[in-house]
């Protein structure tokens, strides 16, 4: 199966958007892991921006960047949102409430706790009525999301926006599922090549696939410490001008092999 990448969004520690992150991903500029860019959520209408949590604003920001780079209207793209836990801070707050004597859950927190909350906020902000899928596959959510988004693009012959995102849990849940920092990324996938196309991806499930080379230092810490950051090897390939073969973790018996060929 193959698709084209027409736009990329990224936001995480030392990765303040695609244009400024390419040199970092290619190790041409040192990675500043101590600096987390602001997550403005400016794309959201004012009312939704006040209600949305950090996790949702992160997802919306990288989605907005990928769509803008592709030069396509946001209400014309189908979406796939992939996250192992969705809004971790809201889940923590609800668990605290349920563990207290006053077990009345805030309606705003409740509607932000559902796994497709980010997809719903995107639909409002983009004015989109296109199909949307929200999924979770624990530490394999990136591969599951890419497979779903690429399949939709290839079969339905429509542009599909893939958004992967994770934010840390507060304690005590952080001890059960530790996440080192917030990170999000988005890819605008297209079934056909356009003037905006960055690269061609050929995707297949491959047993005994060779793992992609590790990053150096803090980028590797981020990749290992945030499930959404497992997409970093693919982002590195997209940042390069050379063809690359990337392996993403999928299931125990199989990896996901992605052949990335630059279009320009």
C-alpha atoms as a PDB file:
ATOM      1  CA  UNK A   1       0.000   0.000   0.000  1.00  0.00           C
ATOM      2  CA  UNK A   2       1.286   3.482  -0.776  1.00  0.00           C
ATOM      3  CA  UNK A   3       0.356   7.102  -0.114  1.00  0.00           C
ATOM      4  CA  UNK A   4       1.931  10.550  -0.327  1.00  0.00           C
ATOM      5  CA  UNK A   5       2.726  12.878   2.576  1.00  0.00           C
ATOM      6  CA  UNK A   6       1.618  16.430   1.742  1.00  0.00           C
ATOM      7  CA  UNK A   7       2.010  18.081   5.126  1.00  0.00           C
ATOM      8  CA  UNK A   8       3.689  17.531   8.491  1.00  0.00           C
ATOM      9  CA  UNK A   9       3.072  18.980  11.948  1.00  0.00           C
ATOM     10  CA  UNK A  10       5.167  18.376  15.064  1.00  0.00           C
ATOM     11  CA  UNK A  11       5.314  19.817  18.564  1.00  0.00           C
ATOM     12  CA  UNK A  12       7.323  18.598  21.514  1.00  0.00           C
ATOM     13  CA  UNK A  13      10.307  19.465  23.704  1.00  0.00           C
ATOM     14  CA  UNK A  14      12.906  21.101  21.433  1.00  0.00           C
ATOM     15  CA  UNK A  15      10.646  20.542  18.394  1.00  0.00           C
ATOM     16  CA  UNK A  16       8.705  23.792  17.801  1.00  0.00           C
ATOM     17  CA  UNK A  17       7.036  22.987  14.466  1.00  0.00           C
ATOM     18  CA  UNK A  18       8.129  21.201  11.304  1.00  0.00           C
ATOM     19  CA  UNK A  19      10.265  23.926   9.704  1.00  0.00           C
ATOM     20  CA  UNK A  20      12.427  24.391  12.804  1.00  0.00           C
ATOM     21  CA  UNK A  21      12.534  20.691  13.708  1.00  0.00           C
ATOM     22  CA  UNK A  22      13.945  19.236  10.483  1.00  0.00           C
ATOM     23  CA  UNK A  23      17.547  20.179  11.282  1.00  0.00           C
ATOM     24  CA  UNK A  24      17.135  18.779  14.816  1.00  0.00           C
ATOM     25  CA  UNK A  25      15.804  15.471  13.499  1.00  0.00           C
ATOM     26  CA  UNK A  26      18.770  15.209  11.122  1.00  0.00           C
ATOM     27  CA  UNK A  27      21.219  15.998  13.982  1.00  0.00           C
ATOM     28  CA  UNK A  28      22.381  19.196  12.283  1.00  0.00           C
ATOM     29  CA  UNK A  29      21.234  21.251  15.284  1.00  0.00           C
ATOM     30  CA  UNK A  30      21.404  20.083  18.940  1.00  0.00           C
ATOM     31  CA  UNK A  31      18.140  18.992  20.493  1.00  0.00           C
ATOM     32  CA  UNK A  32      17.062  21.246  23.376  1.00  0.00           C
ATOM     33  CA  UNK A  33      14.986  18.825  25.428  1.00  0.00           C
ATOM     34  CA  UNK A  34      14.413  21.389  28.201  1.00  0.00           C
ATOM     35  CA  UNK A  35      12.305  23.742  26.061  1.00  0.00           C
ATOM     36  CA  UNK A  36       8.642  22.913  25.461  1.00  0.00           C
ATOM     37  CA  UNK A  37       6.926  25.247  22.956  1.00  0.00           C
ATOM     38  CA  UNK A  38       3.678  26.920  23.944  1.00  0.00           C
ATOM     39  CA  UNK A  39       0.528  25.064  22.902  1.00  0.00           C
ATOM     40  CA  UNK A  40      -1.751  27.951  22.021  1.00  0.00           C
ATOM     41  CA  UNK A  41      -4.786  26.219  20.551  1.00  0.00           C
ATOM     42  CA  UNK A  42      -5.408  29.433  18.602  1.00  0.00           C
ATOM     43  CA  UNK A  43      -7.141  27.478  15.808  1.00  0.00           C
ATOM     44  CA  UNK A  44      -9.984  26.676  18.209  1.00  0.00           C
ATOM     45  CA  UNK A  45     -12.901  29.100  18.675  1.00  0.00           C
ATOM     46  CA  UNK A  46     -12.685  31.009  21.964  1.00  0.00           C
ATOM     47  CA  UNK A  47     -15.329  28.956  23.793  1.00  0.00           C
ATOM     48  CA  UNK A  48     -13.797  25.616  22.823  1.00  0.00           C
ATOM     49  CA  UNK A  49     -10.296  26.915  23.569  1.00  0.00           C
ATOM     50  CA  UNK A  50     -11.330  27.639  27.165  1.00  0.00           C
ATOM     51  CA  UNK A  51     -12.801  24.164  27.580  1.00  0.00           C
ATOM     52  CA  UNK A  52     -10.150  22.093  25.800  1.00  0.00           C
ATOM     53  CA  UNK A  53      -7.377  20.472  27.792  1.00  0.00           C
ATOM     54  CA  UNK A  54      -3.677  20.562  26.968  1.00  0.00           C
ATOM     55  CA  UNK A  55      -3.877  17.185  25.247  1.00  0.00           C
ATOM     56  CA  UNK A  56      -6.584  18.365  22.847  1.00  0.00           C
ATOM     57  CA  UNK A  57      -4.847  21.676  22.146  1.00  0.00           C
ATOM     58  CA  UNK A  58      -1.661  19.749  21.335  1.00  0.00           C
ATOM     59  CA  UNK A  59      -3.494  17.520  18.849  1.00  0.00           C
ATOM     60  CA  UNK A  60      -5.252  20.474  17.229  1.00  0.00           C
ATOM     61  CA  UNK A  61      -2.025  22.478  16.869  1.00  0.00           C
ATOM     62  CA  UNK A  62      -0.074  19.773  15.006  1.00  0.00           C
ATOM     63  CA  UNK A  63      -3.148  18.985  12.884  1.00  0.00           C
ATOM     64  CA  UNK A  64      -3.459  22.656  11.917  1.00  0.00           C
ATOM     65  CA  UNK A  65       0.216  22.831  10.928  1.00  0.00           C
ATOM     66  CA  UNK A  66       0.050  19.740   8.704  1.00  0.00           C
ATOM     67  CA  UNK A  67      -3.098  20.921   6.898  1.00  0.00           C
ATOM     68  CA  UNK A  68      -1.712  24.437   6.396  1.00  0.00           C
ATOM     69  CA  UNK A  69       1.512  23.068   4.950  1.00  0.00           C
ATOM     70  CA  UNK A  70      -0.428  20.863   2.541  1.00  0.00           C
ATOM     71  CA  UNK A  71      -2.399  23.875   1.328  1.00  0.00           C
ATOM     72  CA  UNK A  72      -5.744  22.149   1.724  1.00  0.00           C
ATOM     73  CA  UNK A  73      -8.895  23.365   3.452  1.00  0.00           C
ATOM     74  CA  UNK A  74      -9.224  21.752   6.912  1.00  0.00           C
ATOM     75  CA  UNK A  75     -12.906  20.934   6.380  1.00  0.00           C
ATOM     76  CA  UNK A  76     -12.043  18.767   3.354  1.00  0.00           C
ATOM     77  CA  UNK A  77      -9.973  16.083   5.110  1.00  0.00           C
ATOM     78  CA  UNK A  78     -10.950  12.904   6.915  1.00  0.00           C
ATOM     79  CA  UNK A  79      -9.122  12.373  10.204  1.00  0.00           C
ATOM     80  CA  UNK A  80      -7.546   9.612  12.273  1.00  0.00           C
ATOM     81  CA  UNK A  81      -6.604  10.521  15.851  1.00  0.00           C
ATOM     82  CA  UNK A  82      -4.379   8.016  17.670  1.00  0.00           C
ATOM     83  CA  UNK A  83      -3.466   8.208  21.350  1.00  0.00           C
ATOM     84  CA  UNK A  84      -2.987   5.573  24.023  1.00  0.00           C
ATOM     85  CA  UNK A  85      -4.730   7.569  26.752  1.00  0.00           C
ATOM     86  CA  UNK A  86      -6.249  10.785  25.302  1.00  0.00           C
ATOM     87  CA  UNK A  87      -6.684  13.556  27.910  1.00  0.00           C
ATOM     88  CA  UNK A  88      -4.589  12.315  30.817  1.00  0.00           C
ATOM     89  CA  UNK A  89      -5.156  15.352  33.053  1.00  0.00           C
ATOM     90  CA  UNK A  90      -8.948  15.068  32.742  1.00  0.00           C
ATOM     91  CA  UNK A  91      -8.832  11.333  33.481  1.00  0.00           C
ATOM     92  CA  UNK A  92      -6.728  12.068  36.572  1.00  0.00           C
ATOM     93  CA  UNK A  93      -9.151  14.775  37.758  1.00  0.00           C
ATOM     94  CA  UNK A  94     -12.189  12.491  37.326  1.00  0.00           C
ATOM     95  CA  UNK A  95     -10.460   9.666  39.210  1.00  0.00           C
ATOM     96  CA  UNK A  96      -9.694  12.107  42.052  1.00  0.00           C
ATOM     97  CA  UNK A  97     -13.338  13.168  42.159  1.00  0.00           C
ATOM     98  CA  UNK A  98     -14.595   9.586  42.200  1.00  0.00           C
ATOM     99  CA  UNK A  99     -12.172   8.766  45.031  1.00  0.00           C
ATOM    100  CA  UNK A 100     -13.454  11.686  47.146  1.00  0.00           C
ATOM    101  CA  UNK A 101     -16.571  12.046  49.291  1.00  0.00           C
ATOM    102  CA  UNK A 102     -18.120  14.451  46.757  1.00  0.00           C
ATOM    103  CA  UNK A 103     -18.351  12.267  43.638  1.00  0.00           C
ATOM    104  CA  UNK A 104     -20.083  14.800  41.375  1.00  0.00           C
ATOM    105  CA  UNK A 105     -18.165  14.887  38.093  1.00  0.00           C
ATOM    106  CA  UNK A 106     -17.976  18.179  36.196  1.00  0.00           C
ATOM    107  CA  UNK A 107     -19.934  17.944  32.893  1.00  0.00           C
ATOM    108  CA  UNK A 108     -17.084  19.747  31.095  1.00  0.00           C
ATOM    109  CA  UNK A 109     -14.548  17.253  32.406  1.00  0.00           C
ATOM    110  CA  UNK A 110     -16.820  14.364  31.504  1.00  0.00           C
ATOM    111  CA  UNK A 111     -17.196  15.355  27.841  1.00  0.00           C
ATOM    112  CA  UNK A 112     -13.432  15.939  27.614  1.00  0.00           C
ATOM    113  CA  UNK A 113     -12.742  12.471  29.020  1.00  0.00           C
ATOM    114  CA  UNK A 114     -14.032  10.533  26.007  1.00  0.00           C
ATOM    115  CA  UNK A 115     -11.376   9.212  23.654  1.00  0.00           C
ATOM    116  CA  UNK A 116     -12.647  11.120  20.615  1.00  0.00           C
ATOM    117  CA  UNK A 117     -12.710  14.520  22.358  1.00  0.00           C
ATOM    118  CA  UNK A 118      -9.813  15.876  20.259  1.00  0.00           C
ATOM    119  CA  UNK A 119     -11.540  14.717  17.070  1.00  0.00           C
ATOM    120  CA  UNK A 120     -14.707  16.495  18.140  1.00  0.00           C
ATOM    121  CA  UNK A 121     -12.885  19.752  18.847  1.00  0.00           C
ATOM    122  CA  UNK A 122     -11.152  19.502  15.460  1.00  0.00           C
ATOM    123  CA  UNK A 123     -14.495  19.040  13.681  1.00  0.00           C
ATOM    124  CA  UNK A 124     -15.823  22.182  15.372  1.00  0.00           C
ATOM    125  CA  UNK A 125     -12.710  24.266  14.649  1.00  0.00           C
ATOM    126  CA  UNK A 126     -12.410  23.086  11.034  1.00  0.00           C
ATOM    127  CA  UNK A 127     -16.133  23.097  10.309  1.00  0.00           C
ATOM    128  CA  UNK A 128     -15.622  19.534   9.110  1.00  0.00           C
ATOM    129  CA  UNK A 129     -18.249  16.901   8.373  1.00  0.00           C
ATOM    130  CA  UNK A 130     -15.713  14.439   7.028  1.00  0.00           C
ATOM    131  CA  UNK A 131     -15.365  10.954   8.592  1.00  0.00           C
ATOM    132  CA  UNK A 132     -13.227  10.686  11.712  1.00  0.00           C
ATOM    133  CA  UNK A 133     -11.689   7.729  13.552  1.00  0.00           C
ATOM    134  CA  UNK A 134     -10.188   7.777  17.051  1.00  0.00           C
ATOM    135  CA  UNK A 135      -8.171   4.767  18.153  1.00  0.00           C
ATOM    136  CA  UNK A 136      -5.816   3.515  20.847  1.00  0.00           C
ATOM    137  CA  UNK A 137      -3.329   0.648  20.664  1.00  0.00           C
ATOM    138  CA  UNK A 138      -1.166   1.374  23.730  1.00  0.00           C
ATOM    139  CA  UNK A 139       2.504   1.703  22.647  1.00  0.00           C
ATOM    140  CA  UNK A 140       1.667   0.657  19.061  1.00  0.00           C
ATOM    141  CA  UNK A 141      -0.818   3.507  18.503  1.00  0.00           C
ATOM    142  CA  UNK A 142       1.421   5.236  15.916  1.00  0.00           C
ATOM    143  CA  UNK A 143       1.588   2.166  13.684  1.00  0.00           C
ATOM    144  CA  UNK A 144      -2.128   1.441  14.115  1.00  0.00           C
ATOM    145  CA  UNK A 145      -2.996   5.041  13.274  1.00  0.00           C
ATOM    146  CA  UNK A 146      -0.755   5.110  10.201  1.00  0.00           C
ATOM    147  CA  UNK A 147      -2.197   1.838   8.928  1.00  0.00           C
ATOM    148  CA  UNK A 148      -5.766   3.115   9.384  1.00  0.00           C
ATOM    149  CA  UNK A 149      -5.095   6.520   7.801  1.00  0.00           C
ATOM    150  CA  UNK A 150      -3.139   5.133   4.843  1.00  0.00           C
ATOM    151  CA  UNK A 151      -5.796   2.470   4.200  1.00  0.00           C
ATOM    152  CA  UNK A 152      -8.561   5.079   4.144  1.00  0.00           C
ATOM    153  CA  UNK A 153      -6.566   7.339   1.813  1.00  0.00           C
ATOM    154  CA  UNK A 154      -5.721   4.497  -0.581  1.00  0.00           C
ATOM    155  CA  UNK A 155      -9.138   2.837  -0.688  1.00  0.00           C
ATOM    156  CA  UNK A 156     -11.440   5.853  -0.474  1.00  0.00           C
ATOM    157  CA  UNK A 157      -9.121   8.034  -2.604  1.00  0.00           C
ATOM    158  CA  UNK A 158      -9.416  10.959  -0.184  1.00  0.00           C
ATOM    159  CA  UNK A 159      -6.928  13.054   1.816  1.00  0.00           C
ATOM    160  CA  UNK A 160      -6.635  11.790   5.395  1.00  0.00           C
ATOM    161  CA  UNK A 161      -5.062  13.581   8.346  1.00  0.00           C
ATOM    162  CA  UNK A 162      -3.252  11.370  10.870  1.00  0.00           C
ATOM    163  CA  UNK A 163      -2.724  12.904  14.331  1.00  0.00           C
ATOM    164  CA  UNK A 164      -0.738  11.153  17.086  1.00  0.00           C
ATOM    165  CA  UNK A 165      -0.421  12.729  20.518  1.00  0.00           C
ATOM    166  CA  UNK A 166       0.386  11.945  24.160  1.00  0.00           C
ATOM    167  CA  UNK A 167       0.696  13.989  27.351  1.00  0.00           C
ATOM    168  CA  UNK A 168       1.938  12.752  30.745  1.00  0.00           C
ATOM    169  CA  UNK A 169      -0.369  11.526  33.479  1.00  0.00           C
ATOM    170  CA  UNK A 170      -0.111  13.231  36.872  1.00  0.00           C
ATOM    171  CA  UNK A 171       0.776  10.926  39.766  1.00  0.00           C
ATOM    172  CA  UNK A 172      -0.180   8.305  40.794  1.00  0.00           C
ATOM    173  CA  UNK A 173      -1.122   7.166  37.257  1.00  0.00           C
ATOM    174  CA  UNK A 174       2.249   8.394  35.976  1.00  0.00           C
ATOM    175  CA  UNK A 175       3.890   5.564  37.916  1.00  0.00           C
ATOM    176  CA  UNK A 176       1.805   3.023  35.999  1.00  0.00           C
ATOM    177  CA  UNK A 177       2.213   4.621  32.556  1.00  0.00           C
ATOM    178  CA  UNK A 178       5.184   6.996  32.622  1.00  0.00           C
ATOM    179  CA  UNK A 179       5.438   9.557  29.807  1.00  0.00           C
ATOM    180  CA  UNK A 180       8.529  11.750  29.760  1.00  0.00           C
ATOM    181  CA  UNK A 181       7.011  14.836  28.071  1.00  0.00           C
ATOM    182  CA  UNK A 182       4.166  16.005  25.849  1.00  0.00           C
ATOM    183  CA  UNK A 183       4.533  15.258  22.127  1.00  0.00           C
ATOM    184  CA  UNK A 184       2.310  15.397  19.072  1.00  0.00           C
ATOM    185  CA  UNK A 185       2.712  14.956  15.319  1.00  0.00           C
ATOM    186  CA  UNK A 186       0.459  14.974  12.269  1.00  0.00           C
ATOM    187  CA  UNK A 187       0.738  13.780   8.663  1.00  0.00           C
ATOM    188  CA  UNK A 188      -1.562  14.836   5.825  1.00  0.00           C
ATOM    189  CA  UNK A 189      -1.760  11.759   3.596  1.00  0.00           C
ATOM    190  CA  UNK A 190      -2.933  11.839  -0.017  1.00  0.00           C
ATOM    191  CA  UNK A 191      -3.659   9.002  -2.472  1.00  0.00           C
ATOM    192  CA  UNK A 192      -2.086  10.992  -5.330  1.00  0.00           C
ATOM    193  CA  UNK A 193       0.949  13.204  -5.738  1.00  0.00           C
ATOM    194  CA  UNK A 194       0.426  16.957  -5.726  1.00  0.00           C
ATOM    195  CA  UNK A 195       2.660  20.013  -5.820  1.00  0.00           C
ATOM    196  CA  UNK A 196       2.698  19.914  -2.008  1.00  0.00           C
ATOM    197  CA  UNK A 197       3.870  16.288  -1.792  1.00  0.00           C
ATOM    198  CA  UNK A 198       6.951  15.843   0.393  1.00  0.00           C
ATOM    199  CA  UNK A 199       7.453  12.103   0.110  1.00  0.00           C
ATOM    200  CA  UNK A 200       5.992   8.846  -1.141  1.00  0.00           C
ATOM    201  CA  UNK A 201       5.384   6.155   1.496  1.00  0.00           C
ATOM    202  CA  UNK A 202       5.176   2.456   0.699  1.00  0.00           C
ATOM    203  CA  UNK A 203       3.771   0.632   3.730  1.00  0.00           C
ATOM    204  CA  UNK A 204       3.709  -3.096   4.476  1.00  0.00           C
ATOM    205  CA  UNK A 205       3.644  -5.408   7.471  1.00  0.00           C
ATOM    206  CA  UNK A 206       6.906  -7.331   7.585  1.00  0.00           C
ATOM    207  CA  UNK A 207       7.953 -10.145   9.938  1.00  0.00           C
ATOM    208  CA  UNK A 208      11.448  -9.815  11.376  1.00  0.00           C
ATOM    209  CA  UNK A 209      11.777  -6.240  10.148  1.00  0.00           C
ATOM    210  CA  UNK A 210      15.057  -4.574  11.137  1.00  0.00           C
ATOM    211  CA  UNK A 211      14.526  -1.788  13.705  1.00  0.00           C
ATOM    212  CA  UNK A 212      15.267   1.748  12.556  1.00  0.00           C
ATOM    213  CA  UNK A 213      18.546   3.244  13.841  1.00  0.00           C
ATOM    214  CA  UNK A 214      18.242   4.875  17.253  1.00  0.00           C
ATOM    215  CA  UNK A 215      18.575   8.607  17.766  1.00  0.00           C
ATOM    216  CA  UNK A 216      21.344  10.087  19.857  1.00  0.00           C
ATOM    217  CA  UNK A 217      20.805  11.393  23.378  1.00  0.00           C
ATOM    218  CA  UNK A 218      17.617  13.226  24.336  1.00  0.00           C
ATOM    219  CA  UNK A 219      15.727  12.540  21.088  1.00  0.00           C
ATOM    220  CA  UNK A 220      16.018   8.804  21.776  1.00  0.00           C
ATOM    221  CA  UNK A 221      14.844   9.423  25.352  1.00  0.00           C
ATOM    222  CA  UNK A 222      11.786  11.176  23.920  1.00  0.00           C
ATOM    223  CA  UNK A 223      11.146   8.390  21.407  1.00  0.00           C
ATOM    224  CA  UNK A 224      11.258   5.740  24.096  1.00  0.00           C
ATOM    225  CA  UNK A 225       9.449   7.798  26.735  1.00  0.00           C
ATOM    226  CA  UNK A 226       6.370   8.922  24.779  1.00  0.00           C
ATOM    227  CA  UNK A 227       4.262   6.489  22.734  1.00  0.00           C
ATOM    228  CA  UNK A 228       3.376   9.132  20.122  1.00  0.00           C
ATOM    229  CA  UNK A 229       7.078   9.905  19.675  1.00  0.00           C
ATOM    230  CA  UNK A 230       7.569   6.433  18.185  1.00  0.00           C
ATOM    231  CA  UNK A 231       6.831   8.302  14.946  1.00  0.00           C
ATOM    232  CA  UNK A 232      10.180  10.159  15.201  1.00  0.00           C
ATOM    233  CA  UNK A 233      12.091   7.767  12.863  1.00  0.00           C
ATOM    234  CA  UNK A 234       9.488   8.420  10.157  1.00  0.00           C
ATOM    235  CA  UNK A 235       9.721  12.178  10.750  1.00  0.00           C
ATOM    236  CA  UNK A 236      13.504  11.912  10.417  1.00  0.00           C
ATOM    237  CA  UNK A 237      13.051  10.149   7.070  1.00  0.00           C
ATOM    238  CA  UNK A 238      10.625  12.851   5.909  1.00  0.00           C
ATOM    239  CA  UNK A 239      13.120  15.550   6.913  1.00  0.00           C
ATOM    240  CA  UNK A 240      15.840  13.977   4.779  1.00  0.00           C
ATOM    241  CA  UNK A 241      16.429  14.347   1.055  1.00  0.00           C
ATOM    242  CA  UNK A 242      17.507  10.702   0.793  1.00  0.00           C
ATOM    243  CA  UNK A 243      15.323   7.560   0.548  1.00  0.00           C
ATOM    244  CA  UNK A 244      14.990   5.707   3.842  1.00  0.00           C
ATOM    245  CA  UNK A 245      13.495   2.512   5.234  1.00  0.00           C
ATOM    246  CA  UNK A 246      11.697   2.933   8.564  1.00  0.00           C
ATOM    247  CA  UNK A 247      10.371   0.234  10.862  1.00  0.00           C
ATOM    248  CA  UNK A 248       7.591   1.067  13.310  1.00  0.00           C
ATOM    249  CA  UNK A 249       6.562  -1.257  16.140  1.00  0.00           C
ATOM    250  CA  UNK A 250       3.242  -2.926  15.327  1.00  0.00           C
ATOM    251  CA  UNK A 251       2.588  -6.350  16.858  1.00  0.00           C
ATOM    252  CA  UNK A 252       4.894  -8.931  18.415  1.00  0.00           C
ATOM    253  CA  UNK A 253       5.242 -11.063  15.279  1.00  0.00           C
ATOM    254  CA  UNK A 254       5.298  -8.220  12.773  1.00  0.00           C
ATOM    255  CA  UNK A 255       6.710  -4.754  12.336  1.00  0.00           C
ATOM    256  CA  UNK A 256       5.441  -2.067  10.008  1.00  0.00           C
ATOM    257  CA  UNK A 257       7.957  -1.341   7.279  1.00  0.00           C
ATOM    258  CA  UNK A 258       7.703   2.090   5.652  1.00  0.00           C
ATOM    259  CA  UNK A 259       9.768   2.941   2.582  1.00  0.00           C
ATOM    260  CA  UNK A 260      10.049   6.709   2.385  1.00  0.00           C
ATOM    261  CA  UNK A 261      11.068   8.281  -0.941  1.00  0.00           C
ATOM    262  CA  UNK A 262      11.378  12.084  -1.163  1.00  0.00           C
ATOM    263  CA  UNK A 263       9.378  13.841  -3.872  1.00  0.00           C
ATOM    264  CA  UNK A 264      11.631  16.908  -3.931  1.00  0.00           C
END
